[in-house]
Amino acid sequence: MKISDLRLQLEEDLAWRLDELRHLRNSLLGTTDRDAWEPRSMRAILVMQYAHLEGFTRNALSLYVTLVNSRRLHAEALQPQLLAAALTGEFKSLYSGDFIPQDAEGRLSRRVKGHVAFLDRLKVLSAMPVEIAAEVAVSMEMNLSPDVLRRNLYMLGIPEDKVHRGQYAAIEFVKNTRNDIAHGSRTEVIPPGLFDAHRKKCEQFMGDLSRIITRAASEEWYKSA
């Protein structure tokens, strides 16, 4: 994958999402004075905004994984976080004991054999270009939250401080509001000023994430020092 292809796909994905959110705001809020915005309209917009926030984040990080995979690098050329991301499935199998069938052997024997099987798998992977499964390495853990975002950025070798801390707060607000609405507990009025401030921060976050991903690819942050 070329950097230009990555940039184009990020821009196209961001553009249609922002356009859809803009259309929804115009349809529900229109030219109504901000102090007269209906709570149910703001709730509907926040639910859709969360969907696009999570969807864009997942897609942007997955595109970055696709670019890294296209470089066909071996383990020693990658940051250790990306190697760990490539081994996510193996780690899960190691923790669960899936490397070794649950036969009549004792627990301690199975554990040791699981360790050996994991190392054997690691040797095989070290002899070939590393392939990261985006659907495994990039996980929203049911909900996109600041902690989930930090985890995903770290696993891909992207410093978390590249995202402004105010945007982490905006993600938390939209995520919590979406969950409250889904569970039927968001009944209080959302102050229009608070709604608009977080809406803008979330949209800014998506634009900033696009630029961060492009910069990480251009400057090859995925490579070991």
C-alpha atoms as a PDB file:
ATOM      1  CA  MET A   1       0.000   0.000   0.000  1.00  0.00           C
ATOM      2  CA  LYS A   2       1.296   3.462  -0.899  1.00  0.00           C
ATOM      3  CA  ILE A   3       1.125   6.394   1.518  1.00  0.00           C
ATOM      4  CA  SER A   4      -1.038   8.231  -1.015  1.00  0.00           C
ATOM      5  CA  ASP A   5      -3.499   5.313  -1.071  1.00  0.00           C
ATOM      6  CA  LEU A   6      -3.665   5.307   2.720  1.00  0.00           C
ATOM      7  CA  ARG A   7      -4.275   9.058   2.821  1.00  0.00           C
ATOM      8  CA  LEU A   8      -6.974   8.852   0.150  1.00  0.00           C
ATOM      9  CA  GLN A   9      -8.864   6.047   1.899  1.00  0.00           C
ATOM     10  CA  LEU A  10      -8.728   7.891   5.227  1.00  0.00           C
ATOM     11  CA  GLU A  11      -9.967  11.109   3.631  1.00  0.00           C
ATOM     12  CA  GLU A  12     -12.816   9.368   1.818  1.00  0.00           C
ATOM     13  CA  ASP A  13     -13.927   7.513   4.937  1.00  0.00           C
ATOM     14  CA  LEU A  14     -13.822  10.667   7.047  1.00  0.00           C
ATOM     15  CA  ALA A  15     -15.628  12.762   4.417  1.00  0.00           C
ATOM     16  CA  TRP A  16     -18.732  10.585   4.122  1.00  0.00           C
ATOM     17  CA  ARG A  17     -19.006  10.195   7.898  1.00  0.00           C
ATOM     18  CA  LEU A  18     -18.802  13.955   8.506  1.00  0.00           C
ATOM     19  CA  ASP A  19     -21.267  14.549   5.683  1.00  0.00           C
ATOM     20  CA  GLU A  20     -23.771  12.115   7.202  1.00  0.00           C
ATOM     21  CA  LEU A  21     -23.439  13.697  10.644  1.00  0.00           C
ATOM     22  CA  ARG A  22     -23.849  17.159   9.115  1.00  0.00           C
ATOM     23  CA  HIS A  23     -26.976  16.045   7.262  1.00  0.00           C
ATOM     24  CA  LEU A  24     -28.436  14.603  10.474  1.00  0.00           C
ATOM     25  CA  ARG A  25     -27.754  17.820  12.404  1.00  0.00           C
ATOM     26  CA  ASN A  26     -29.327  19.929   9.670  1.00  0.00           C
ATOM     27  CA  SER A  27     -32.376  17.673   9.564  1.00  0.00           C
ATOM     28  CA  LEU A  28     -32.937  17.579  13.324  1.00  0.00           C
ATOM     29  CA  LEU A  29     -31.680  20.969  14.466  1.00  0.00           C
ATOM     30  CA  GLY A  30     -31.848  23.016  11.277  1.00  0.00           C
ATOM     31  CA  THR A  31     -31.813  26.737  11.928  1.00  0.00           C
ATOM     32  CA  THR A  32     -33.338  26.377  15.398  1.00  0.00           C
ATOM     33  CA  ASP A  33     -31.761  28.605  18.007  1.00  0.00           C
ATOM     34  CA  ARG A  34     -29.245  26.636  20.065  1.00  0.00           C
ATOM     35  CA  ASP A  35     -31.103  27.214  23.332  1.00  0.00           C
ATOM     36  CA  ALA A  36     -34.205  25.633  21.781  1.00  0.00           C
ATOM     37  CA  TRP A  37     -32.567  22.381  20.601  1.00  0.00           C
ATOM     38  CA  GLU A  38     -34.686  19.370  21.509  1.00  0.00           C
ATOM     39  CA  PRO A  39     -32.996  16.858  23.848  1.00  0.00           C
ATOM     40  CA  ARG A  40     -34.218  13.907  21.766  1.00  0.00           C
ATOM     41  CA  SER A  41     -32.594  15.404  18.665  1.00  0.00           C
ATOM     42  CA  MET A  42     -29.282  15.850  20.455  1.00  0.00           C
ATOM     43  CA  ARG A  43     -29.486  12.293  21.798  1.00  0.00           C
ATOM     44  CA  ALA A  44     -30.084  10.908  18.303  1.00  0.00           C
ATOM     45  CA  ILE A  45     -27.102  12.833  16.958  1.00  0.00           C
ATOM     46  CA  LEU A  46     -24.840  11.649  19.787  1.00  0.00           C
ATOM     47  CA  VAL A  47     -25.783   8.008  19.191  1.00  0.00           C
ATOM     48  CA  MET A  48     -24.918   8.357  15.491  1.00  0.00           C
ATOM     49  CA  GLN A  49     -21.761  10.283  16.321  1.00  0.00           C
ATOM     50  CA  TYR A  50     -20.537   7.496  18.561  1.00  0.00           C
ATOM     51  CA  ALA A  51     -21.166   4.959  15.790  1.00  0.00           C
ATOM     52  CA  HIS A  52     -19.073   6.986  13.362  1.00  0.00           C
ATOM     53  CA  LEU A  53     -16.414   7.715  15.977  1.00  0.00           C
ATOM     54  CA  GLU A  54     -15.906   4.025  16.667  1.00  0.00           C
ATOM     55  CA  GLY A  55     -16.243   3.034  13.017  1.00  0.00           C
ATOM     56  CA  PHE A  56     -13.712   5.569  11.790  1.00  0.00           C
ATOM     57  CA  THR A  57     -11.223   4.699  14.546  1.00  0.00           C
ATOM     58  CA  ARG A  58     -11.450   0.995  13.786  1.00  0.00           C
ATOM     59  CA  ASN A  59     -11.109   1.573  10.044  1.00  0.00           C
ATOM     60  CA  ALA A  60      -8.213   4.037  10.374  1.00  0.00           C
ATOM     61  CA  LEU A  61      -6.195   1.722  12.604  1.00  0.00           C
ATOM     62  CA  SER A  62      -6.999  -1.267  10.381  1.00  0.00           C
ATOM     63  CA  LEU A  63      -5.754   0.632   7.324  1.00  0.00           C
ATOM     64  CA  TYR A  64      -2.521   1.334   9.192  1.00  0.00           C
ATOM     65  CA  VAL A  65      -2.172  -2.394   9.907  1.00  0.00           C
ATOM     66  CA  THR A  66      -2.715  -3.100   6.199  1.00  0.00           C
ATOM     67  CA  LEU A  67       0.086  -0.695   5.319  1.00  0.00           C
ATOM     68  CA  VAL A  68       2.449  -2.265   7.874  1.00  0.00           C
ATOM     69  CA  ASN A  69       1.658  -5.743   6.546  1.00  0.00           C
ATOM     70  CA  SER A  70       2.342  -4.559   2.994  1.00  0.00           C
ATOM     71  CA  ARG A  71       5.935  -3.759   3.990  1.00  0.00           C
ATOM     72  CA  ARG A  72       6.596  -7.499   4.571  1.00  0.00           C
ATOM     73  CA  LEU A  73       8.917  -6.871   7.521  1.00  0.00           C
ATOM     74  CA  HIS A  74      10.404  -9.530   9.799  1.00  0.00           C
ATOM     75  CA  ALA A  75      10.092  -9.459  13.572  1.00  0.00           C
ATOM     76  CA  GLU A  76      13.473  -7.846  14.229  1.00  0.00           C
ATOM     77  CA  ALA A  77      12.561  -4.875  12.027  1.00  0.00           C
ATOM     78  CA  LEU A  78       9.349  -4.072  13.907  1.00  0.00           C
ATOM     79  CA  GLN A  79       8.668  -2.376  17.199  1.00  0.00           C
ATOM     80  CA  PRO A  80       7.933  -5.035  19.839  1.00  0.00           C
ATOM     81  CA  GLN A  81       4.364  -3.747  20.246  1.00  0.00           C
ATOM     82  CA  LEU A  82       3.565  -4.673  16.653  1.00  0.00           C
ATOM     83  CA  LEU A  83       5.062  -8.122  17.074  1.00  0.00           C
ATOM     84  CA  ALA A  84       2.871  -8.519  20.153  1.00  0.00           C
ATOM     85  CA  ALA A  85      -0.099  -7.389  18.049  1.00  0.00           C
ATOM     86  CA  ALA A  86       0.741 -10.067  15.496  1.00  0.00           C
ATOM     87  CA  LEU A  87       0.815 -12.640  18.295  1.00  0.00           C
ATOM     88  CA  THR A  88      -2.504 -11.619  19.854  1.00  0.00           C
ATOM     89  CA  GLY A  89      -4.173 -14.861  18.790  1.00  0.00           C
ATOM     90  CA  GLU A  90      -1.278 -16.938  20.096  1.00  0.00           C
ATOM     91  CA  PHE A  91      -1.343 -15.112  23.442  1.00  0.00           C
ATOM     92  CA  LYS A  92      -5.048 -15.850  23.820  1.00  0.00           C
ATOM     93  CA  SER A  93      -4.463 -19.506  23.048  1.00  0.00           C
ATOM     94  CA  LEU A  94      -1.606 -19.625  25.544  1.00  0.00           C
ATOM     95  CA  TYR A  95      -3.717 -18.085  28.308  1.00  0.00           C
ATOM     96  CA  SER A  96      -6.692 -20.341  27.623  1.00  0.00           C
ATOM     97  CA  GLY A  97      -4.647 -23.511  27.165  1.00  0.00           C
ATOM     98  CA  ASP A  98      -5.916 -24.012  23.609  1.00  0.00           C
ATOM     99  CA  PHE A  99      -2.413 -24.826  22.381  1.00  0.00           C
ATOM    100  CA  ILE A 100      -2.674 -28.242  24.029  1.00  0.00           C
ATOM    101  CA  PRO A 101      -5.805 -30.476  23.946  1.00  0.00           C
ATOM    102  CA  GLN A 102      -7.460 -30.996  27.306  1.00  0.00           C
ATOM    103  CA  ASP A 103      -6.534 -34.669  27.753  1.00  0.00           C
ATOM    104  CA  ALA A 104      -5.938 -36.790  30.827  1.00  0.00           C
ATOM    105  CA  GLU A 105      -2.609 -35.107  31.658  1.00  0.00           C
ATOM    106  CA  GLY A 106      -2.245 -32.916  34.681  1.00  0.00           C
ATOM    107  CA  ARG A 107      -2.631 -29.130  34.651  1.00  0.00           C
ATOM    108  CA  LEU A 108       1.093 -28.469  35.164  1.00  0.00           C
ATOM    109  CA  SER A 109       2.103 -30.741  32.279  1.00  0.00           C
ATOM    110  CA  ARG A 110      -0.364 -29.056  29.952  1.00  0.00           C
ATOM    111  CA  ARG A 111       0.914 -25.616  30.976  1.00  0.00           C
ATOM    112  CA  VAL A 112       4.551 -26.501  30.203  1.00  0.00           C
ATOM    113  CA  LYS A 113       3.598 -28.047  26.872  1.00  0.00           C
ATOM    114  CA  GLY A 114       1.606 -24.929  26.070  1.00  0.00           C
ATOM    115  CA  HIS A 115       4.701 -22.791  26.685  1.00  0.00           C
ATOM    116  CA  VAL A 116       6.785 -24.967  24.371  1.00  0.00           C
ATOM    117  CA  ALA A 117       4.095 -24.898  21.681  1.00  0.00           C
ATOM    118  CA  PHE A 118       3.976 -21.090  21.930  1.00  0.00           C
ATOM    119  CA  LEU A 119       7.750 -20.786  21.523  1.00  0.00           C
ATOM    120  CA  ASP A 120       7.672 -23.186  18.587  1.00  0.00           C
ATOM    121  CA  ARG A 121       5.041 -20.990  16.956  1.00  0.00           C
ATOM    122  CA  LEU A 122       7.170 -17.919  17.687  1.00  0.00           C
ATOM    123  CA  LYS A 123      10.153 -19.518  15.896  1.00  0.00           C
ATOM    124  CA  VAL A 124       8.003 -20.167  12.833  1.00  0.00           C
ATOM    125  CA  LEU A 125       6.737 -16.588  12.776  1.00  0.00           C
ATOM    126  CA  SER A 126      10.256 -15.201  13.194  1.00  0.00           C
ATOM    127  CA  ALA A 127      11.361 -16.906   9.982  1.00  0.00           C
ATOM    128  CA  MET A 128       8.824 -15.121   7.795  1.00  0.00           C
ATOM    129  CA  PRO A 129       7.385 -11.605   7.312  1.00  0.00           C
ATOM    130  CA  VAL A 130       5.123 -10.653  10.191  1.00  0.00           C
ATOM    131  CA  GLU A 131       1.409 -10.565   9.378  1.00  0.00           C
ATOM    132  CA  ILE A 132      -0.884  -8.708  11.768  1.00  0.00           C
ATOM    133  CA  ALA A 133      -4.573  -9.655  11.755  1.00  0.00           C
ATOM    134  CA  ALA A 134      -6.331  -6.290  12.006  1.00  0.00           C
ATOM    135  CA  GLU A 135      -9.593  -7.860  13.163  1.00  0.00           C
ATOM    136  CA  VAL A 136      -7.705  -9.310  16.148  1.00  0.00           C
ATOM    137  CA  ALA A 137      -5.130  -6.598  16.911  1.00  0.00           C
ATOM    138  CA  VAL A 138      -7.549  -3.654  16.554  1.00  0.00           C
ATOM    139  CA  SER A 139     -10.243  -4.168  19.167  1.00  0.00           C
ATOM    140  CA  MET A 140     -12.870  -1.777  20.504  1.00  0.00           C
ATOM    141  CA  GLU A 141     -13.621  -4.121  23.443  1.00  0.00           C
ATOM    142  CA  MET A 142     -17.395  -3.602  22.991  1.00  0.00           C
ATOM    143  CA  ASN A 143     -17.020   0.188  23.331  1.00  0.00           C
ATOM    144  CA  LEU A 144     -14.511   2.785  22.210  1.00  0.00           C
ATOM    145  CA  SER A 145     -13.233   4.451  25.377  1.00  0.00           C
ATOM    146  CA  PRO A 146     -10.078   6.436  26.174  1.00  0.00           C
ATOM    147  CA  ASP A 147      -8.472   3.320  27.651  1.00  0.00           C
ATOM    148  CA  VAL A 148      -9.362   1.213  24.604  1.00  0.00           C
ATOM    149  CA  LEU A 149      -7.966   3.905  22.307  1.00  0.00           C
ATOM    150  CA  ARG A 150      -4.716   4.085  24.301  1.00  0.00           C
ATOM    151  CA  ARG A 151      -4.415   0.302  24.152  1.00  0.00           C
ATOM    152  CA  ASN A 152      -4.845   0.244  20.380  1.00  0.00           C
ATOM    153  CA  LEU A 153      -2.436   3.111  19.785  1.00  0.00           C
ATOM    154  CA  TYR A 154       0.190   1.461  21.990  1.00  0.00           C
ATOM    155  CA  MET A 155      -0.172  -1.901  20.253  1.00  0.00           C
ATOM    156  CA  LEU A 156       0.525  -0.204  16.925  1.00  0.00           C
ATOM    157  CA  GLY A 157       3.500   1.787  18.202  1.00  0.00           C
ATOM    158  CA  ILE A 158       1.722   5.167  18.122  1.00  0.00           C
ATOM    159  CA  PRO A 159       2.341   7.385  21.189  1.00  0.00           C
ATOM    160  CA  GLU A 160      -0.896   8.110  23.035  1.00  0.00           C
ATOM    161  CA  ASP A 161       0.065  11.744  23.615  1.00  0.00           C
ATOM    162  CA  LYS A 162      -0.375  12.357  19.891  1.00  0.00           C
ATOM    163  CA  VAL A 163      -4.078  12.610  20.765  1.00  0.00           C
ATOM    164  CA  HIS A 164      -4.949  15.700  22.808  1.00  0.00           C
ATOM    165  CA  ARG A 165      -6.276  14.853  26.268  1.00  0.00           C
ATOM    166  CA  GLY A 166      -9.390  16.979  25.670  1.00  0.00           C
ATOM    167  CA  GLN A 167     -10.340  14.642  22.854  1.00  0.00           C
ATOM    168  CA  TYR A 168     -10.075  11.639  25.171  1.00  0.00           C
ATOM    169  CA  ALA A 169     -12.615  13.388  27.405  1.00  0.00           C
ATOM    170  CA  ALA A 170     -14.911  13.984  24.436  1.00  0.00           C
ATOM    171  CA  ILE A 171     -14.777  10.300  23.500  1.00  0.00           C
ATOM    172  CA  GLU A 172     -15.669   9.356  27.077  1.00  0.00           C
ATOM    173  CA  PHE A 173     -18.637  11.762  27.086  1.00  0.00           C
ATOM    174  CA  VAL A 174     -20.066  10.502  23.804  1.00  0.00           C
ATOM    175  CA  LYS A 175     -19.493   6.851  24.775  1.00  0.00           C
ATOM    176  CA  ASN A 176     -21.183   7.236  28.157  1.00  0.00           C
ATOM    177  CA  THR A 177     -24.079   9.207  26.689  1.00  0.00           C
ATOM    178  CA  ARG A 178     -24.595   6.597  23.979  1.00  0.00           C
ATOM    179  CA  ASN A 179     -24.622   3.823  26.588  1.00  0.00           C
ATOM    180  CA  ASP A 180     -27.044   5.741  28.796  1.00  0.00           C
ATOM    181  CA  ILE A 181     -29.391   6.265  25.869  1.00  0.00           C
ATOM    182  CA  ALA A 182     -29.162   2.616  24.828  1.00  0.00           C
ATOM    183  CA  HIS A 183     -29.997   1.541  28.396  1.00  0.00           C
ATOM    184  CA  GLY A 184     -32.855   4.027  28.664  1.00  0.00           C
ATOM    185  CA  SER A 185     -31.318   6.049  31.494  1.00  0.00           C
ATOM    186  CA  ARG A 186     -30.413   9.275  29.685  1.00  0.00           C
ATOM    187  CA  THR A 187     -33.480  11.372  30.466  1.00  0.00           C
ATOM    188  CA  GLU A 188     -31.977  14.631  31.699  1.00  0.00           C
ATOM    189  CA  VAL A 189     -31.482  17.565  29.373  1.00  0.00           C
ATOM    190  CA  ILE A 190     -28.089  17.780  27.692  1.00  0.00           C
ATOM    191  CA  PRO A 191     -26.870  21.392  27.794  1.00  0.00           C
ATOM    192  CA  PRO A 192     -26.562  22.580  24.167  1.00  0.00           C
ATOM    193  CA  GLY A 193     -23.162  24.132  24.862  1.00  0.00           C
ATOM    194  CA  LEU A 194     -21.804  20.858  26.246  1.00  0.00           C
ATOM    195  CA  PHE A 195     -23.293  18.908  23.346  1.00  0.00           C
ATOM    196  CA  ASP A 196     -21.768  21.219  20.747  1.00  0.00           C
ATOM    197  CA  ALA A 197     -18.347  21.375  22.410  1.00  0.00           C
ATOM    198  CA  HIS A 198     -17.957  17.603  22.545  1.00  0.00           C
ATOM    199  CA  ARG A 199     -19.381  17.190  19.064  1.00  0.00           C
ATOM    200  CA  LYS A 200     -16.690  19.468  17.663  1.00  0.00           C
ATOM    201  CA  LYS A 201     -13.942  17.750  19.673  1.00  0.00           C
ATOM    202  CA  CYS A 202     -14.993  14.332  18.370  1.00  0.00           C
ATOM    203  CA  GLU A 203     -15.029  15.528  14.785  1.00  0.00           C
ATOM    204  CA  GLN A 204     -11.633  17.135  15.333  1.00  0.00           C
ATOM    205  CA  PHE A 205     -10.396  13.846  16.789  1.00  0.00           C
ATOM    206  CA  MET A 206     -11.293  11.957  13.620  1.00  0.00           C
ATOM    207  CA  GLY A 207      -9.454  14.503  11.492  1.00  0.00           C
ATOM    208  CA  ASP A 208      -6.452  14.456  13.810  1.00  0.00           C
ATOM    209  CA  LEU A 209      -6.378  10.649  13.865  1.00  0.00           C
ATOM    210  CA  SER A 210      -6.303  10.619  10.076  1.00  0.00           C
ATOM    211  CA  ARG A 211      -3.270  12.909  10.118  1.00  0.00           C
ATOM    212  CA  ILE A 212      -1.570  10.906  12.899  1.00  0.00           C
ATOM    213  CA  ILE A 213      -1.994   7.644  10.985  1.00  0.00           C
ATOM    214  CA  THR A 214      -0.643   9.230   7.804  1.00  0.00           C
ATOM    215  CA  ARG A 215       2.342  10.673   9.655  1.00  0.00           C
ATOM    216  CA  ALA A 216       3.038   7.351  11.425  1.00  0.00           C
ATOM    217  CA  ALA A 217       3.080   5.613   8.054  1.00  0.00           C
ATOM    218  CA  SER A 218       5.213   8.293   6.364  1.00  0.00           C
ATOM    219  CA  GLU A 219       7.781   8.369   9.171  1.00  0.00           C
ATOM    220  CA  GLU A 220       7.668   4.578   9.668  1.00  0.00           C
ATOM    221  CA  TRP A 221       6.903   4.655  13.378  1.00  0.00           C
ATOM    222  CA  TYR A 222       6.297   0.899  13.163  1.00  0.00           C
ATOM    223  CA  LYS A 223       9.990   0.139  12.631  1.00  0.00           C
ATOM    224  CA  SER A 224      12.308  -0.709  15.508  1.00  0.00           C
ATOM    225  CA  ALA A 225      14.889   1.911  16.424  1.00  0.00           C
END
